[in-house]
Amino acid sequence: MNAEFEDQPGESSQTVVPAKRSKLIWILPIGCLGILLCCGGGFGLLGYWGYNVFYDNPAYKSALNTIQESAQVQELIGSPVLLTGLTPMEGEANAGEAAWIKYAPSFSGPNGSATADILVVVDNATGEFAIESIIVTINGETIDLTEEGDFSLNIDDSGNSDE
């Protein structure tokens, strides 16, 4: 035997094998990212749903349209009457059968500005929205537009006029 390949006294004949690294280590950051995306997406969907319930309901849109198209409001602040920014929601109350949402939008025209108090009621059983009241304040003067904003239809016949 060659002296090169012989074990020297005091040296070990065992070779050190490096520890194997897992090939699945990339799952950890992707898993964390997936959890963050799911949570963020959930909060995003919740926010989108909340926005639609409070600001994209037909009664609220109808009330805004009523104010913008009102001849009284146009006479006092001019035309066109424009909504100024996102309307703040002042509050809500839930009383079992119905929930009320109160809005306080601001409007402006060429001759001035106005604020409004819109009260929308939601039937908890059916989920239908209805306008409870529309009060507009311009220079301390209040105008009740509730009757102008009541666009509910009550169709109880099939179109036959046998009466």
C-alpha atoms as a PDB file:
ATOM      1  CA  MET A   1       0.000   0.000   0.000  1.00  0.00           C
ATOM      2  CA  ASN A   2       0.989   3.510  -0.586  1.00  0.00           C
ATOM      3  CA  ALA A   3       1.810   5.712   2.299  1.00  0.00           C
ATOM      4  CA  GLU A   4      -0.390   8.449   0.841  1.00  0.00           C
ATOM      5  CA  PHE A   5      -3.566   6.506   1.298  1.00  0.00           C
ATOM      6  CA  GLU A   6      -2.835   5.081   4.646  1.00  0.00           C
ATOM      7  CA  ASP A   7      -4.477   6.496   7.706  1.00  0.00           C
ATOM      8  CA  GLN A   8      -2.177   8.575   9.679  1.00  0.00           C
ATOM      9  CA  PRO A   9      -2.185   8.031  13.400  1.00  0.00           C
ATOM     10  CA  GLY A  10      -4.454  10.521  15.177  1.00  0.00           C
ATOM     11  CA  GLU A  11      -6.573  11.226  12.070  1.00  0.00           C
ATOM     12  CA  SER A  12     -10.070   9.897  11.667  1.00  0.00           C
ATOM     13  CA  SER A  13     -10.974   7.788   8.711  1.00  0.00           C
ATOM     14  CA  GLN A  14     -14.552   9.097   8.621  1.00  0.00           C
ATOM     15  CA  THR A  15     -15.462  11.790   6.108  1.00  0.00           C
ATOM     16  CA  VAL A  16     -17.743  14.665   7.053  1.00  0.00           C
ATOM     17  CA  VAL A  17     -20.893  14.840   4.921  1.00  0.00           C
ATOM     18  CA  PRO A  18     -22.540  18.289   4.730  1.00  0.00           C
ATOM     19  CA  ALA A  19     -26.125  18.470   6.005  1.00  0.00           C
ATOM     20  CA  LYS A  20     -28.767  18.311   3.286  1.00  0.00           C
ATOM     21  CA  ARG A  21     -30.943  21.369   2.838  1.00  0.00           C
ATOM     22  CA  SER A  22     -34.584  20.865   2.133  1.00  0.00           C
ATOM     23  CA  LYS A  23     -35.615  21.659  -1.410  1.00  0.00           C
ATOM     24  CA  LEU A  24     -39.003  22.808  -0.114  1.00  0.00           C
ATOM     25  CA  ILE A  25     -37.659  25.870   1.718  1.00  0.00           C
ATOM     26  CA  TRP A  26     -39.376  28.169  -0.841  1.00  0.00           C
ATOM     27  CA  ILE A  27     -42.793  27.147   0.534  1.00  0.00           C
ATOM     28  CA  LEU A  28     -42.323  29.213   3.696  1.00  0.00           C
ATOM     29  CA  PRO A  29     -42.234  32.693   2.076  1.00  0.00           C
ATOM     30  CA  ILE A  30     -44.945  31.781  -0.416  1.00  0.00           C
ATOM     31  CA  GLY A  31     -47.123  30.442   2.401  1.00  0.00           C
ATOM     32  CA  CYS A  32     -46.706  33.655   4.397  1.00  0.00           C
ATOM     33  CA  LEU A  33     -47.437  35.739   1.313  1.00  0.00           C
ATOM     34  CA  GLY A  34     -50.527  33.636   0.646  1.00  0.00           C
ATOM     35  CA  ILE A  35     -51.806  34.202   4.170  1.00  0.00           C
ATOM     36  CA  LEU A  36     -51.230  37.964   3.857  1.00  0.00           C
ATOM     37  CA  LEU A  37     -53.025  38.057   0.498  1.00  0.00           C
ATOM     38  CA  CYS A  38     -55.978  36.120   1.878  1.00  0.00           C
ATOM     39  CA  CYS A  39     -56.298  38.414   4.896  1.00  0.00           C
ATOM     40  CA  GLY A  40     -55.835  41.547   2.806  1.00  0.00           C
ATOM     41  CA  GLY A  41     -58.315  40.292   0.221  1.00  0.00           C
ATOM     42  CA  GLY A  42     -60.823  39.504   2.961  1.00  0.00           C
ATOM     43  CA  PHE A  43     -60.534  42.991   4.433  1.00  0.00           C
ATOM     44  CA  GLY A  44     -60.771  44.454   0.926  1.00  0.00           C
ATOM     45  CA  LEU A  45     -63.971  42.538   0.191  1.00  0.00           C
ATOM     46  CA  LEU A  46     -65.419  43.553   3.540  1.00  0.00           C
ATOM     47  CA  GLY A  47     -64.636  47.212   2.816  1.00  0.00           C
ATOM     48  CA  TYR A  48     -66.112  46.968  -0.690  1.00  0.00           C
ATOM     49  CA  TRP A  49     -69.293  45.364   0.654  1.00  0.00           C
ATOM     50  CA  GLY A  50     -69.602  48.019   3.379  1.00  0.00           C
ATOM     51  CA  TYR A  51     -69.130  50.824   0.873  1.00  0.00           C
ATOM     52  CA  ASN A  52     -71.829  49.357  -1.372  1.00  0.00           C
ATOM     53  CA  VAL A  53     -74.284  48.950   1.498  1.00  0.00           C
ATOM     54  CA  PHE A  54     -73.838  52.477   2.794  1.00  0.00           C
ATOM     55  CA  TYR A  55     -73.084  54.543  -0.310  1.00  0.00           C
ATOM     56  CA  ASP A  56     -74.291  52.577  -3.325  1.00  0.00           C
ATOM     57  CA  ASN A  57     -77.858  51.904  -2.241  1.00  0.00           C
ATOM     58  CA  PRO A  58     -80.778  53.090  -4.404  1.00  0.00           C
ATOM     59  CA  ALA A  59     -82.427  55.260  -1.719  1.00  0.00           C
ATOM     60  CA  TYR A  60     -79.259  57.262  -1.055  1.00  0.00           C
ATOM     61  CA  LYS A  61     -78.595  57.735  -4.780  1.00  0.00           C
ATOM     62  CA  SER A  62     -82.211  58.805  -5.275  1.00  0.00           C
ATOM     63  CA  ALA A  63     -81.942  61.334  -2.434  1.00  0.00           C
ATOM     64  CA  LEU A  64     -78.771  62.832  -3.913  1.00  0.00           C
ATOM     65  CA  ASN A  65     -80.441  63.053  -7.315  1.00  0.00           C
ATOM     66  CA  THR A  66     -83.507  64.701  -5.753  1.00  0.00           C
ATOM     67  CA  ILE A  67     -81.341  67.404  -4.185  1.00  0.00           C
ATOM     68  CA  GLN A  68     -79.366  68.021  -7.363  1.00  0.00           C
ATOM     69  CA  GLU A  69     -82.512  68.232  -9.515  1.00  0.00           C
ATOM     70  CA  SER A  70     -84.591  70.300  -7.071  1.00  0.00           C
ATOM     71  CA  ALA A  71     -85.760  73.618  -8.541  1.00  0.00           C
ATOM     72  CA  GLN A  72     -85.705  75.209  -5.060  1.00  0.00           C
ATOM     73  CA  VAL A  73     -82.086  74.243  -4.444  1.00  0.00           C
ATOM     74  CA  GLN A  74     -81.035  75.308  -7.945  1.00  0.00           C
ATOM     75  CA  GLU A  75     -82.735  78.676  -7.463  1.00  0.00           C
ATOM     76  CA  LEU A  76     -80.848  79.358  -4.223  1.00  0.00           C
ATOM     77  CA  ILE A  77     -77.335  78.059  -5.000  1.00  0.00           C
ATOM     78  CA  GLY A  78     -77.420  78.002  -8.800  1.00  0.00           C
ATOM     79  CA  SER A  79     -77.112  75.273 -11.350  1.00  0.00           C
ATOM     80  CA  PRO A  80     -75.434  72.812 -11.630  1.00  0.00           C
ATOM     81  CA  VAL A  81     -75.691  71.560  -8.064  1.00  0.00           C
ATOM     82  CA  LEU A  82     -72.661  69.375  -7.369  1.00  0.00           C
ATOM     83  CA  LEU A  83     -71.904  66.979  -4.535  1.00  0.00           C
ATOM     84  CA  THR A  84     -68.677  68.093  -2.839  1.00  0.00           C
ATOM     85  CA  GLY A  85     -66.576  65.051  -2.003  1.00  0.00           C
ATOM     86  CA  LEU A  86     -67.549  61.757  -0.427  1.00  0.00           C
ATOM     87  CA  THR A  87     -70.568  62.164   1.778  1.00  0.00           C
ATOM     88  CA  PRO A  88     -69.863  61.476   5.442  1.00  0.00           C
ATOM     89  CA  MET A  89     -72.177  59.035   7.148  1.00  0.00           C
ATOM     90  CA  GLU A  90     -73.191  60.543  10.473  1.00  0.00           C
ATOM     91  CA  GLY A  91     -74.543  57.449  12.110  1.00  0.00           C
ATOM     92  CA  GLU A  92     -76.717  54.409  12.027  1.00  0.00           C
ATOM     93  CA  ALA A  93     -79.156  52.748  14.356  1.00  0.00           C
ATOM     94  CA  ASN A  94     -80.648  49.280  14.338  1.00  0.00           C
ATOM     95  CA  ALA A  95     -84.007  48.593  15.955  1.00  0.00           C
ATOM     96  CA  GLY A  96     -84.709  44.958  15.171  1.00  0.00           C
ATOM     97  CA  GLU A  97     -87.011  45.276  12.158  1.00  0.00           C
ATOM     98  CA  ALA A  98     -85.320  48.268  10.580  1.00  0.00           C
ATOM     99  CA  ALA A  99     -82.033  50.123  10.495  1.00  0.00           C
ATOM    100  CA  TRP A 100     -81.571  53.829   9.862  1.00  0.00           C
ATOM    101  CA  ILE A 101     -78.600  55.427   8.152  1.00  0.00           C
ATOM    102  CA  LYS A 102     -78.090  59.195   8.435  1.00  0.00           C
ATOM    103  CA  TYR A 103     -76.022  61.084   5.879  1.00  0.00           C
ATOM    104  CA  ALA A 104     -74.839  64.702   5.869  1.00  0.00           C
ATOM    105  CA  PRO A 105     -73.728  65.546   2.320  1.00  0.00           C
ATOM    106  CA  SER A 106     -72.571  68.976   1.191  1.00  0.00           C
ATOM    107  CA  PHE A 107     -73.422  70.531  -2.147  1.00  0.00           C
ATOM    108  CA  SER A 108     -72.165  73.551  -4.011  1.00  0.00           C
ATOM    109  CA  GLY A 109     -73.369  75.667  -6.877  1.00  0.00           C
ATOM    110  CA  PRO A 110     -72.216  78.836  -8.599  1.00  0.00           C
ATOM    111  CA  ASN A 111     -74.103  81.028  -6.068  1.00  0.00           C
ATOM    112  CA  GLY A 112     -73.382  79.225  -2.797  1.00  0.00           C
ATOM    113  CA  SER A 113     -73.383  75.975  -0.909  1.00  0.00           C
ATOM    114  CA  ALA A 114     -75.802  73.766   0.970  1.00  0.00           C
ATOM    115  CA  THR A 115     -75.815  70.922   3.444  1.00  0.00           C
ATOM    116  CA  ALA A 116     -78.366  68.163   3.690  1.00  0.00           C
ATOM    117  CA  ASP A 117     -79.592  65.641   6.216  1.00  0.00           C
ATOM    118  CA  ILE A 118     -80.691  62.424   4.538  1.00  0.00           C
ATOM    119  CA  LEU A 119     -82.259  59.654   6.577  1.00  0.00           C
ATOM    120  CA  VAL A 120     -82.538  56.251   4.887  1.00  0.00           C
ATOM    121  CA  VAL A 121     -84.368  53.325   6.454  1.00  0.00           C
ATOM    122  CA  VAL A 122     -83.440  49.710   5.683  1.00  0.00           C
ATOM    123  CA  ASP A 123     -85.931  46.920   6.211  1.00  0.00           C
ATOM    124  CA  ASN A 124     -83.866  44.187   7.896  1.00  0.00           C
ATOM    125  CA  ALA A 125     -86.198  41.422   6.740  1.00  0.00           C
ATOM    126  CA  THR A 126     -86.121  42.264   3.026  1.00  0.00           C
ATOM    127  CA  GLY A 127     -82.983  44.397   2.746  1.00  0.00           C
ATOM    128  CA  GLU A 128     -84.900  47.129   0.912  1.00  0.00           C
ATOM    129  CA  PHE A 129     -83.862  50.767   1.284  1.00  0.00           C
ATOM    130  CA  ALA A 130     -86.314  53.686   1.472  1.00  0.00           C
ATOM    131  CA  ILE A 131     -85.945  57.428   1.961  1.00  0.00           C
ATOM    132  CA  GLU A 132     -87.207  58.565   5.354  1.00  0.00           C
ATOM    133  CA  SER A 133     -86.399  62.274   4.982  1.00  0.00           C
ATOM    134  CA  ILE A 134     -84.396  64.786   2.946  1.00  0.00           C
ATOM    135  CA  ILE A 135     -83.796  68.167   4.615  1.00  0.00           C
ATOM    136  CA  VAL A 136     -81.578  70.733   2.864  1.00  0.00           C
ATOM    137  CA  THR A 137     -80.140  73.763   4.669  1.00  0.00           C
ATOM    138  CA  ILE A 138     -79.063  76.807   2.651  1.00  0.00           C
ATOM    139  CA  ASN A 139     -77.977  79.980   4.500  1.00  0.00           C
ATOM    140  CA  GLY A 140     -79.939  78.960   7.593  1.00  0.00           C
ATOM    141  CA  GLU A 141     -83.120  78.245   5.594  1.00  0.00           C
ATOM    142  CA  THR A 142     -84.345  74.647   5.600  1.00  0.00           C
ATOM    143  CA  ILE A 143     -86.138  73.015   2.700  1.00  0.00           C
ATOM    144  CA  ASP A 144     -87.943  69.687   3.113  1.00  0.00           C
ATOM    145  CA  LEU A 145     -87.536  67.652  -0.075  1.00  0.00           C
ATOM    146  CA  THR A 146     -88.863  64.413   1.375  1.00  0.00           C
ATOM    147  CA  GLU A 147     -91.975  64.341  -0.802  1.00  0.00           C
ATOM    148  CA  GLU A 148     -89.933  65.038  -3.927  1.00  0.00           C
ATOM    149  CA  GLY A 149     -87.634  62.119  -3.097  1.00  0.00           C
ATOM    150  CA  ASP A 150     -90.338  59.506  -2.591  1.00  0.00           C
ATOM    151  CA  PHE A 151     -90.057  57.486  -5.791  1.00  0.00           C
ATOM    152  CA  SER A 152     -91.456  54.241  -4.393  1.00  0.00           C
ATOM    153  CA  LEU A 153     -93.864  52.399  -6.652  1.00  0.00           C
ATOM    154  CA  ASN A 154     -96.956  50.659  -5.394  1.00  0.00           C
ATOM    155  CA  ILE A 155     -98.260  48.477  -8.185  1.00  0.00           C
ATOM    156  CA  ASP A 156    -101.040  46.263  -6.914  1.00  0.00           C
ATOM    157  CA  ASP A 157    -102.828  45.371 -10.135  1.00  0.00           C
ATOM    158  CA  SER A 158    -101.792  43.671 -13.337  1.00  0.00           C
ATOM    159  CA  GLY A 159    -102.531  46.666 -15.549  1.00  0.00           C
ATOM    160  CA  ASN A 160    -106.195  45.916 -16.109  1.00  0.00           C
ATOM    161  CA  SER A 161    -108.494  48.876 -15.490  1.00  0.00           C
ATOM    162  CA  ASP A 162    -111.817  47.150 -14.789  1.00  0.00           C
ATOM    163  CA  GLU A 163    -112.755  49.597 -12.016  1.00  0.00           C
END
